[in-house]
Every structure is written in C-alpha cells, then in structure tokens.
Amino acid sequence: MMRASTRSPAESLRTLAEDSAGAGTRKEEWEVRPCGMLVQKRNPDSEPAAPPPPVFRLRVKYGSSIHEIYISSQATFGELKKMLSGPTGLHHEDQKILFKDKERQSRAFLDTCGVKDRSKLLVVEDEVARAKRCLEARRAVQAEKAAKSIAQIGRQVDKLASKVSAVEAIVSKGKKVAENDVLNLIEMLMNELLKLDSITAADEDAKLQRRMQVERVQKYVESLDMVKIKNESASNGKTQPPLTTNHKPAVAAAASRQKPHNQNATPPSTTKWDMFDSLFDPPSTSAADTNPTSKPAPRLDWELF
C-alpha cells in the first residue's frame, strides 16, 4: 500500500516548475485557487474579445423629412435624441420620440424596448419641455446677472468701509472731521443700498448675498450717524461755553428788571372810598412856597352845641 503525498501546493508548484525546466519544455505560470487547487495561470489577453453589439439603422421621421441614423443597439433614447439634434435642429431636451405609438423615456434602452434594425420612429417637438427649458435658462441668466451686480456692489462697499473706518479712527482720537465728508459717505452708502433694493434675486444664494450686503450698508450708515453726533458734540463743546454760565446773567438781569417794579407797585384795593375835602388840614408847604404873596384862607369859628 502506497502512502499519500503530504506536500503543500507551493512545494508541488516548485517541483513541477523544476521538472519542466529540466525537461527543456516551455516554462508555464501556475496559480493556486482559493480551494487549494493548482491550475495554470490564465492570460486575459489571450481570451478572445466579446463581439461588439450590433448596429441598428433606424428610420426617424420628423415633419415631412425622414432621417437614417446608425446607432448601437445598446444605446439609450437619450443618446438617440442627441444624434438627432443636428438633422432636426431641435434641442435634445425638446424632443419627444414615439415608438409604436408610445413615448419613450430618455433613460430607456433601444433593445429592451423592442427596437430592431430598420425600425421606424417618430420625433415631435415637446412644447412644454421647450417652455420649461427657456424659463430655466432665463432664470439662470437672471441669477448670474444678480450675482455679478451684488459682487460689484460688494466691492464698492468694501472701498467705502475703509473710509468709514478712517473717519471713526479720527473721531475716536478726539479730532474733528469735516461734516461734508461724513454726509458724502452716508449718501454714497444709501445709493448702494438703493441699488441692492432694485436687484431681483430669484436664487436663494443671491438672496442671501443681497441680505448680507444690506446689513453691512446699514451698519456703516449707523456708524456714520454716531460719528456725526460725536463730531457735532465736540464742535459745540469747543465753541460754546457751558449752559449754566449762559443762563445766570439772563436770570440776574430779569431779577433786576422786576425788582423796582415790585417795590413801587401798590397792592390792589378791593373797597371803594368816597373822597371829601378836609377842613382841618393845614395848608400845604408846597403851595406856600410856590405862592408867597397869596392870602391865607380865613378861619371860621364854629359853636359847639
């Protein structure tokens, strides 16, 4: 009874290669399969290539004209539409292909839908798809135009922002800035804000960019308003004295004008008195001084009962 061989596949491969080299035969390449079987290594180049798919000659009718198209049997209807764009003059998205009185989708394959060599197809214009494509193209143009306008305004706002920062730095040091410069900056920022309001942004990205620029412009305008207030307060503090010193002389002058008027004024009387000539009053000295030659008034003797 013979004992079974216990050599590994690698040792068997080495022994077989040595035997082939010693015998003078052509050296072959071997490989070990996952199951442990030793087989000759296959060369992918030696295998014959798969035959190419057959080519169909299709008769496509568009309007009153018929076009012959050569296309692979494994192609899709979308690829056929692109090939028909030149002969028909229609955009591939505006075409509608009918095969056996049924519209075929662009992703469907020709062979799976039953298309064969010399099959007849019909191409018509899809007006709904054309209108949709034109609308999308118009929106894309508007979005691109809005993005360019917003970018241009953003660059202009960046230039004005540097000027605003310079003005704020000057005012923070306690110096005065020309009021016309501040007003001109505010006016230019407001013009940019009006430009942003006039932009029609249909895209979400364009709307976001426009909102960001509007917030920037509003922030700079508020900063210039604060600069204007600080500038005015600084100029008033240098040219005018404090308000307390201005009001004191005015109050003193008003008090001095009211003082003699209050001293000479008599309180109003609420009772009515009858005035009579007094017989016992002595003659006034003023009358005696003015008329020294006048005779004194005669005195009357009265009897008392």
Foldseek 3Di string as FASTA:
>chain_A
DDDDDDDALVVVVVVVQVVCVVVVHDGFAWDADPVRDIDTDDDPVVDDDDDAADWAWEWEDEDPDIDTDIDGQFAFVLVVLVVCCVVVVDDSQQKWKDAPNHTDDRGHGNVVVPHHHHGYMYIDTRPVSVVVVVVVVVLVVLQVVLVVLLVVLVVVVVVLVVVLVVLVVQVVVVHADDPVVLVVSLVVLVVSLVSLVPRDHPDPVSVVSSVVSNVSSVVSNVSSVVSNVSNVVSVCPVPDDDPVVVVVVVVVVVVVVVVVVVVPDDDDDDDDDDDDDDPPDDDDPVVCVVCVPDDDDDDDDDDDD
